[in-house]
Protein backbone atom coordinates (compact mmCIF):
# COMPACT_ATOMS: atom_id res chain seq x y z
CA UNK A 1 0.00 0.00 0.00
CA UNK A 2 2.74 2.45 0.95
CA UNK A 3 4.65 1.57 -2.21
CA UNK A 4 1.58 2.35 -4.33
CA UNK A 5 1.19 5.71 -2.57
CA UNK A 6 4.82 6.58 -3.35
CA UNK A 7 4.32 5.62 -7.02
CA UNK A 8 1.21 7.80 -7.22
CA UNK A 9 2.99 10.74 -5.60
CA UNK A 10 5.90 10.30 -8.01
CA UNK A 11 3.49 10.24 -10.94
CA UNK A 12 1.79 13.43 -9.73
CA UNK A 13 5.16 15.16 -9.41
CA UNK A 14 6.08 14.14 -12.97
CA UNK A 15 2.76 15.45 -14.29
CA UNK A 16 3.33 18.78 -12.48
CA UNK A 17 6.83 19.03 -13.99
CA UNK A 18 5.43 18.33 -17.47
CA UNK A 19 2.81 21.06 -17.03
CA UNK A 20 5.50 23.47 -15.85
CA UNK A 21 7.75 22.65 -18.82
CA UNK A 22 4.94 22.94 -21.37
CA UNK A 23 4.08 26.44 -20.12
CA UNK A 24 7.61 27.62 -20.82
CA UNK A 25 7.92 25.80 -24.14
CA UNK A 26 4.78 27.46 -25.47
CA UNK A 27 5.24 29.24 -28.79
CA UNK A 28 3.07 32.24 -29.57
CA UNK A 29 3.40 33.64 -33.08
CA UNK A 30 2.26 37.03 -34.29
CA UNK A 31 -0.81 37.00 -36.52
CA UNK A 32 0.84 38.58 -39.56
CA UNK A 33 -0.97 38.23 -42.87
CA UNK A 34 1.93 37.89 -45.28
CA UNK A 35 -0.39 36.96 -48.13
CA UNK A 36 -1.12 40.64 -48.78
CA UNK A 37 1.73 42.57 -47.16
CA UNK A 38 5.22 42.42 -45.73
CA UNK A 39 5.74 43.32 -42.07
CA UNK A 40 8.40 44.91 -39.90
CA UNK A 41 8.22 44.39 -36.13
CA UNK A 42 10.23 46.20 -33.49
CA UNK A 43 10.51 44.20 -30.27
CA UNK A 44 11.35 46.55 -27.41
CA UNK A 45 11.37 47.02 -23.66
CA UNK A 46 9.81 50.24 -22.30
CA UNK A 47 12.69 50.73 -19.84
CA UNK A 48 15.37 50.40 -22.57
CA UNK A 49 17.13 53.73 -23.35
CA UNK A 50 18.17 52.49 -26.83
CA UNK A 51 14.52 51.73 -27.62
CA UNK A 52 13.36 55.12 -26.39
CA UNK A 53 16.03 56.83 -28.47
CA UNK A 54 15.28 54.73 -31.57
CA UNK A 55 11.48 55.21 -31.50
CA UNK A 56 11.49 58.49 -33.51
CA UNK A 57 13.80 57.03 -36.16
CA UNK A 58 11.65 53.88 -36.45
CA UNK A 59 8.54 56.02 -37.03
CA UNK A 60 10.38 58.13 -39.62
CA UNK A 61 11.61 55.03 -41.49
CA UNK A 62 8.11 53.49 -41.35
CA UNK A 63 6.52 56.62 -42.83
CA UNK A 64 9.14 56.79 -45.60
CA UNK A 65 8.73 53.12 -46.54
CA UNK A 66 4.92 53.39 -46.53
CA UNK A 67 5.07 56.49 -48.72
CA UNK A 68 7.61 55.07 -51.20
CA UNK A 69 6.35 51.47 -51.52
CA UNK A 70 5.41 50.57 -55.09
CA UNK A 71 5.02 46.80 -54.90
CA UNK A 72 2.91 45.66 -51.96
CA UNK A 73 2.20 47.29 -48.58
CA UNK A 74 4.70 47.07 -45.74
CA UNK A 75 3.12 47.28 -42.28
CA UNK A 76 5.09 48.35 -39.20
CA UNK A 77 4.39 47.07 -35.68
CA UNK A 78 5.85 47.22 -32.17
CA UNK A 79 5.76 44.55 -29.47
CA UNK A 80 6.58 45.23 -25.83
CA UNK A 81 8.64 42.35 -24.49
CA UNK A 82 7.66 43.40 -20.99
CA UNK A 83 3.99 42.75 -21.75
CA UNK A 84 4.37 39.96 -24.33
CA UNK A 85 7.45 38.07 -23.20
CA UNK A 86 6.18 34.74 -24.56
CA UNK A 87 6.00 36.25 -28.06
CA UNK A 88 9.51 37.67 -27.67
CA UNK A 89 10.77 34.26 -26.51
CA UNK A 90 9.15 32.65 -29.55
CA UNK A 91 11.07 35.00 -31.85
CA UNK A 92 14.28 34.51 -29.83
CA UNK A 93 14.62 38.18 -28.96
CA UNK A 94 17.66 38.60 -26.74
CA UNK A 95 18.38 42.32 -27.00
CA UNK A 96 16.49 45.55 -27.45
CA UNK A 97 15.42 46.86 -29.80
CA UNK A 98 15.29 43.87 -32.13
CA UNK A 99 13.73 44.60 -35.51
CA UNK A 100 12.56 41.67 -37.61
CA UNK A 101 11.25 41.70 -41.16
CA UNK A 102 8.67 39.30 -42.54
CA UNK A 103 8.64 39.24 -46.36
CA UNK A 104 5.44 38.65 -48.28
CA UNK A 105 4.32 34.99 -48.53
CA UNK A 106 6.35 33.74 -45.56
CA UNK A 107 5.09 31.05 -43.21
CA UNK A 108 3.24 32.12 -40.04
CA UNK A 109 5.97 30.32 -38.04
CA UNK A 110 8.86 32.06 -39.85
CA UNK A 111 11.06 33.77 -37.23
CA UNK A 112 11.85 36.80 -39.39
CA UNK A 113 14.92 38.43 -40.88
CA UNK A 114 16.86 40.55 -38.41
CA UNK A 115 17.01 44.04 -39.88
CA UNK A 116 19.17 45.68 -37.23
CA UNK A 117 21.81 43.07 -36.43
CA UNK A 118 25.45 43.99 -35.97
CA UNK A 119 26.18 42.49 -39.41
CA UNK A 120 23.69 44.77 -41.19
CA UNK A 121 24.65 48.35 -41.96
CA UNK A 122 22.45 51.04 -40.42
CA UNK A 123 18.80 50.25 -41.07
CA UNK A 124 17.21 52.46 -43.74
CA UNK A 125 14.14 52.40 -45.99
CA UNK A 126 16.33 50.95 -48.77
CA UNK A 127 17.79 48.19 -46.59
CA UNK A 128 14.28 47.22 -45.42
CA UNK A 129 13.08 47.10 -49.04
CA UNK A 130 16.08 44.93 -49.92
CA UNK A 131 15.43 42.36 -47.16
CA UNK A 132 11.67 42.30 -47.80
CA UNK A 133 12.02 42.18 -51.60
CA UNK A 134 9.85 45.31 -51.85
CA UNK A 135 10.16 48.04 -54.48
CA UNK A 136 10.46 51.65 -53.40
CA UNK A 137 9.98 54.75 -55.56
C-alpha atoms as a PDB file:
ATOM      1  CA  UNK A   1       0.000   0.000   0.000  1.00  0.00           C
ATOM      2  CA  UNK A   2       2.736   2.449   0.949  1.00  0.00           C
ATOM      3  CA  UNK A   3       4.652   1.566  -2.206  1.00  0.00           C
ATOM      4  CA  UNK A   4       1.580   2.354  -4.332  1.00  0.00           C
ATOM      5  CA  UNK A   5       1.191   5.715  -2.572  1.00  0.00           C
ATOM      6  CA  UNK A   6       4.816   6.582  -3.353  1.00  0.00           C
ATOM      7  CA  UNK A   7       4.324   5.615  -7.020  1.00  0.00           C
ATOM      8  CA  UNK A   8       1.210   7.801  -7.224  1.00  0.00           C
ATOM      9  CA  UNK A   9       2.987  10.736  -5.601  1.00  0.00           C
ATOM     10  CA  UNK A  10       5.902  10.305  -8.006  1.00  0.00           C
ATOM     11  CA  UNK A  11       3.489  10.239 -10.936  1.00  0.00           C
ATOM     12  CA  UNK A  12       1.792  13.432  -9.734  1.00  0.00           C
ATOM     13  CA  UNK A  13       5.163  15.158  -9.409  1.00  0.00           C
ATOM     14  CA  UNK A  14       6.077  14.135 -12.975  1.00  0.00           C
ATOM     15  CA  UNK A  15       2.762  15.455 -14.286  1.00  0.00           C
ATOM     16  CA  UNK A  16       3.328  18.775 -12.481  1.00  0.00           C
ATOM     17  CA  UNK A  17       6.835  19.025 -13.985  1.00  0.00           C
ATOM     18  CA  UNK A  18       5.432  18.330 -17.474  1.00  0.00           C
ATOM     19  CA  UNK A  19       2.809  21.064 -17.026  1.00  0.00           C
ATOM     20  CA  UNK A  20       5.503  23.470 -15.846  1.00  0.00           C
ATOM     21  CA  UNK A  21       7.752  22.648 -18.822  1.00  0.00           C
ATOM     22  CA  UNK A  22       4.939  22.943 -21.366  1.00  0.00           C
ATOM     23  CA  UNK A  23       4.079  26.445 -20.125  1.00  0.00           C
ATOM     24  CA  UNK A  24       7.610  27.622 -20.823  1.00  0.00           C
ATOM     25  CA  UNK A  25       7.919  25.798 -24.140  1.00  0.00           C
ATOM     26  CA  UNK A  26       4.780  27.463 -25.468  1.00  0.00           C
ATOM     27  CA  UNK A  27       5.242  29.243 -28.785  1.00  0.00           C
ATOM     28  CA  UNK A  28       3.065  32.241 -29.570  1.00  0.00           C
ATOM     29  CA  UNK A  29       3.400  33.640 -33.083  1.00  0.00           C
ATOM     30  CA  UNK A  30       2.255  37.035 -34.293  1.00  0.00           C
ATOM     31  CA  UNK A  31      -0.808  37.001 -36.519  1.00  0.00           C
ATOM     32  CA  UNK A  32       0.841  38.582 -39.558  1.00  0.00           C
ATOM     33  CA  UNK A  33      -0.969  38.227 -42.867  1.00  0.00           C
ATOM     34  CA  UNK A  34       1.935  37.887 -45.281  1.00  0.00           C
ATOM     35  CA  UNK A  35      -0.392  36.962 -48.131  1.00  0.00           C
ATOM     36  CA  UNK A  36      -1.123  40.635 -48.775  1.00  0.00           C
ATOM     37  CA  UNK A  37       1.730  42.574 -47.159  1.00  0.00           C
ATOM     38  CA  UNK A  38       5.218  42.417 -45.725  1.00  0.00           C
ATOM     39  CA  UNK A  39       5.736  43.324 -42.075  1.00  0.00           C
ATOM     40  CA  UNK A  40       8.396  44.914 -39.898  1.00  0.00           C
ATOM     41  CA  UNK A  41       8.219  44.392 -36.127  1.00  0.00           C
ATOM     42  CA  UNK A  42      10.228  46.204 -33.490  1.00  0.00           C
ATOM     43  CA  UNK A  43      10.512  44.204 -30.269  1.00  0.00           C
ATOM     44  CA  UNK A  44      11.353  46.548 -27.407  1.00  0.00           C
ATOM     45  CA  UNK A  45      11.375  47.024 -23.657  1.00  0.00           C
ATOM     46  CA  UNK A  46       9.813  50.242 -22.297  1.00  0.00           C
ATOM     47  CA  UNK A  47      12.691  50.728 -19.838  1.00  0.00           C
ATOM     48  CA  UNK A  48      15.369  50.403 -22.567  1.00  0.00           C
ATOM     49  CA  UNK A  49      17.127  53.727 -23.350  1.00  0.00           C
ATOM     50  CA  UNK A  50      18.166  52.490 -26.832  1.00  0.00           C
ATOM     51  CA  UNK A  51      14.519  51.730 -27.621  1.00  0.00           C
ATOM     52  CA  UNK A  52      13.361  55.117 -26.394  1.00  0.00           C
ATOM     53  CA  UNK A  53      16.033  56.830 -28.466  1.00  0.00           C
ATOM     54  CA  UNK A  54      15.280  54.732 -31.569  1.00  0.00           C
ATOM     55  CA  UNK A  55      11.479  55.213 -31.498  1.00  0.00           C
ATOM     56  CA  UNK A  56      11.493  58.486 -33.512  1.00  0.00           C
ATOM     57  CA  UNK A  57      13.802  57.025 -36.158  1.00  0.00           C
ATOM     58  CA  UNK A  58      11.648  53.879 -36.452  1.00  0.00           C
ATOM     59  CA  UNK A  59       8.542  56.020 -37.033  1.00  0.00           C
ATOM     60  CA  UNK A  60      10.381  58.135 -39.616  1.00  0.00           C
ATOM     61  CA  UNK A  61      11.612  55.032 -41.491  1.00  0.00           C
ATOM     62  CA  UNK A  62       8.114  53.492 -41.345  1.00  0.00           C
ATOM     63  CA  UNK A  63       6.523  56.622 -42.830  1.00  0.00           C
ATOM     64  CA  UNK A  64       9.135  56.791 -45.601  1.00  0.00           C
ATOM     65  CA  UNK A  65       8.726  53.118 -46.538  1.00  0.00           C
ATOM     66  CA  UNK A  66       4.918  53.395 -46.528  1.00  0.00           C
ATOM     67  CA  UNK A  67       5.067  56.491 -48.722  1.00  0.00           C
ATOM     68  CA  UNK A  68       7.611  55.073 -51.201  1.00  0.00           C
ATOM     69  CA  UNK A  69       6.353  51.472 -51.515  1.00  0.00           C
ATOM     70  CA  UNK A  70       5.415  50.574 -55.090  1.00  0.00           C
ATOM     71  CA  UNK A  71       5.018  46.804 -54.903  1.00  0.00           C
ATOM     72  CA  UNK A  72       2.907  45.658 -51.958  1.00  0.00           C
ATOM     73  CA  UNK A  73       2.202  47.286 -48.577  1.00  0.00           C
ATOM     74  CA  UNK A  74       4.701  47.066 -45.739  1.00  0.00           C
ATOM     75  CA  UNK A  75       3.121  47.282 -42.278  1.00  0.00           C
ATOM     76  CA  UNK A  76       5.090  48.353 -39.200  1.00  0.00           C
ATOM     77  CA  UNK A  77       4.390  47.075 -35.677  1.00  0.00           C
ATOM     78  CA  UNK A  78       5.846  47.219 -32.175  1.00  0.00           C
ATOM     79  CA  UNK A  79       5.762  44.546 -29.467  1.00  0.00           C
ATOM     80  CA  UNK A  80       6.580  45.232 -25.828  1.00  0.00           C
ATOM     81  CA  UNK A  81       8.642  42.350 -24.493  1.00  0.00           C
ATOM     82  CA  UNK A  82       7.659  43.401 -20.985  1.00  0.00           C
ATOM     83  CA  UNK A  83       3.989  42.754 -21.750  1.00  0.00           C
ATOM     84  CA  UNK A  84       4.370  39.963 -24.332  1.00  0.00           C
ATOM     85  CA  UNK A  85       7.452  38.069 -23.196  1.00  0.00           C
ATOM     86  CA  UNK A  86       6.177  34.739 -24.556  1.00  0.00           C
ATOM     87  CA  UNK A  87       5.998  36.250 -28.057  1.00  0.00           C
ATOM     88  CA  UNK A  88       9.509  37.666 -27.667  1.00  0.00           C
ATOM     89  CA  UNK A  89      10.768  34.262 -26.511  1.00  0.00           C
ATOM     90  CA  UNK A  90       9.151  32.645 -29.555  1.00  0.00           C
ATOM     91  CA  UNK A  91      11.071  35.002 -31.849  1.00  0.00           C
ATOM     92  CA  UNK A  92      14.276  34.507 -29.826  1.00  0.00           C
ATOM     93  CA  UNK A  93      14.618  38.185 -28.961  1.00  0.00           C
ATOM     94  CA  UNK A  94      17.658  38.596 -26.736  1.00  0.00           C
ATOM     95  CA  UNK A  95      18.384  42.321 -27.005  1.00  0.00           C
ATOM     96  CA  UNK A  96      16.493  45.547 -27.450  1.00  0.00           C
ATOM     97  CA  UNK A  97      15.420  46.864 -29.797  1.00  0.00           C
ATOM     98  CA  UNK A  98      15.295  43.869 -32.135  1.00  0.00           C
ATOM     99  CA  UNK A  99      13.733  44.597 -35.507  1.00  0.00           C
ATOM    100  CA  UNK A 100      12.557  41.674 -37.610  1.00  0.00           C
ATOM    101  CA  UNK A 101      11.251  41.697 -41.160  1.00  0.00           C
ATOM    102  CA  UNK A 102       8.671  39.298 -42.540  1.00  0.00           C
ATOM    103  CA  UNK A 103       8.644  39.242 -46.361  1.00  0.00           C
ATOM    104  CA  UNK A 104       5.440  38.648 -48.278  1.00  0.00           C
ATOM    105  CA  UNK A 105       4.318  34.992 -48.533  1.00  0.00           C
ATOM    106  CA  UNK A 106       6.348  33.743 -45.564  1.00  0.00           C
ATOM    107  CA  UNK A 107       5.090  31.046 -43.209  1.00  0.00           C
ATOM    108  CA  UNK A 108       3.243  32.123 -40.037  1.00  0.00           C
ATOM    109  CA  UNK A 109       5.966  30.323 -38.039  1.00  0.00           C
ATOM    110  CA  UNK A 110       8.861  32.061 -39.847  1.00  0.00           C
ATOM    111  CA  UNK A 111      11.056  33.771 -37.235  1.00  0.00           C
ATOM    112  CA  UNK A 112      11.849  36.798 -39.386  1.00  0.00           C
ATOM    113  CA  UNK A 113      14.922  38.425 -40.885  1.00  0.00           C
ATOM    114  CA  UNK A 114      16.863  40.548 -38.406  1.00  0.00           C
ATOM    115  CA  UNK A 115      17.006  44.041 -39.881  1.00  0.00           C
ATOM    116  CA  UNK A 116      19.175  45.684 -37.231  1.00  0.00           C
ATOM    117  CA  UNK A 117      21.814  43.072 -36.431  1.00  0.00           C
ATOM    118  CA  UNK A 118      25.452  43.993 -35.967  1.00  0.00           C
ATOM    119  CA  UNK A 119      26.176  42.487 -39.409  1.00  0.00           C
ATOM    120  CA  UNK A 120      23.689  44.766 -41.188  1.00  0.00           C
ATOM    121  CA  UNK A 121      24.654  48.354 -41.957  1.00  0.00           C
ATOM    122  CA  UNK A 122      22.449  51.038 -40.418  1.00  0.00           C
ATOM    123  CA  UNK A 123      18.796  50.254 -41.072  1.00  0.00           C
ATOM    124  CA  UNK A 124      17.208  52.455 -43.742  1.00  0.00           C
ATOM    125  CA  UNK A 125      14.137  52.396 -45.991  1.00  0.00           C
ATOM    126  CA  UNK A 126      16.329  50.954 -48.772  1.00  0.00           C
ATOM    127  CA  UNK A 127      17.786  48.187 -46.593  1.00  0.00           C
ATOM    128  CA  UNK A 128      14.281  47.223 -45.423  1.00  0.00           C
ATOM    129  CA  UNK A 129      13.080  47.097 -49.039  1.00  0.00           C
ATOM    130  CA  UNK A 130      16.085  44.927 -49.921  1.00  0.00           C
ATOM    131  CA  UNK A 131      15.432  42.362 -47.161  1.00  0.00           C
ATOM    132  CA  UNK A 132      11.671  42.300 -47.801  1.00  0.00           C
ATOM    133  CA  UNK A 133      12.016  42.179 -51.600  1.00  0.00           C
ATOM    134  CA  UNK A 134       9.855  45.308 -51.848  1.00  0.00           C
ATOM    135  CA  UNK A 135      10.162  48.039 -54.477  1.00  0.00           C
ATOM    136  CA  UNK A 136      10.455  51.654 -53.402  1.00  0.00           C
ATOM    137  CA  UNK A 137       9.979  54.747 -55.556  1.00  0.00           C
END
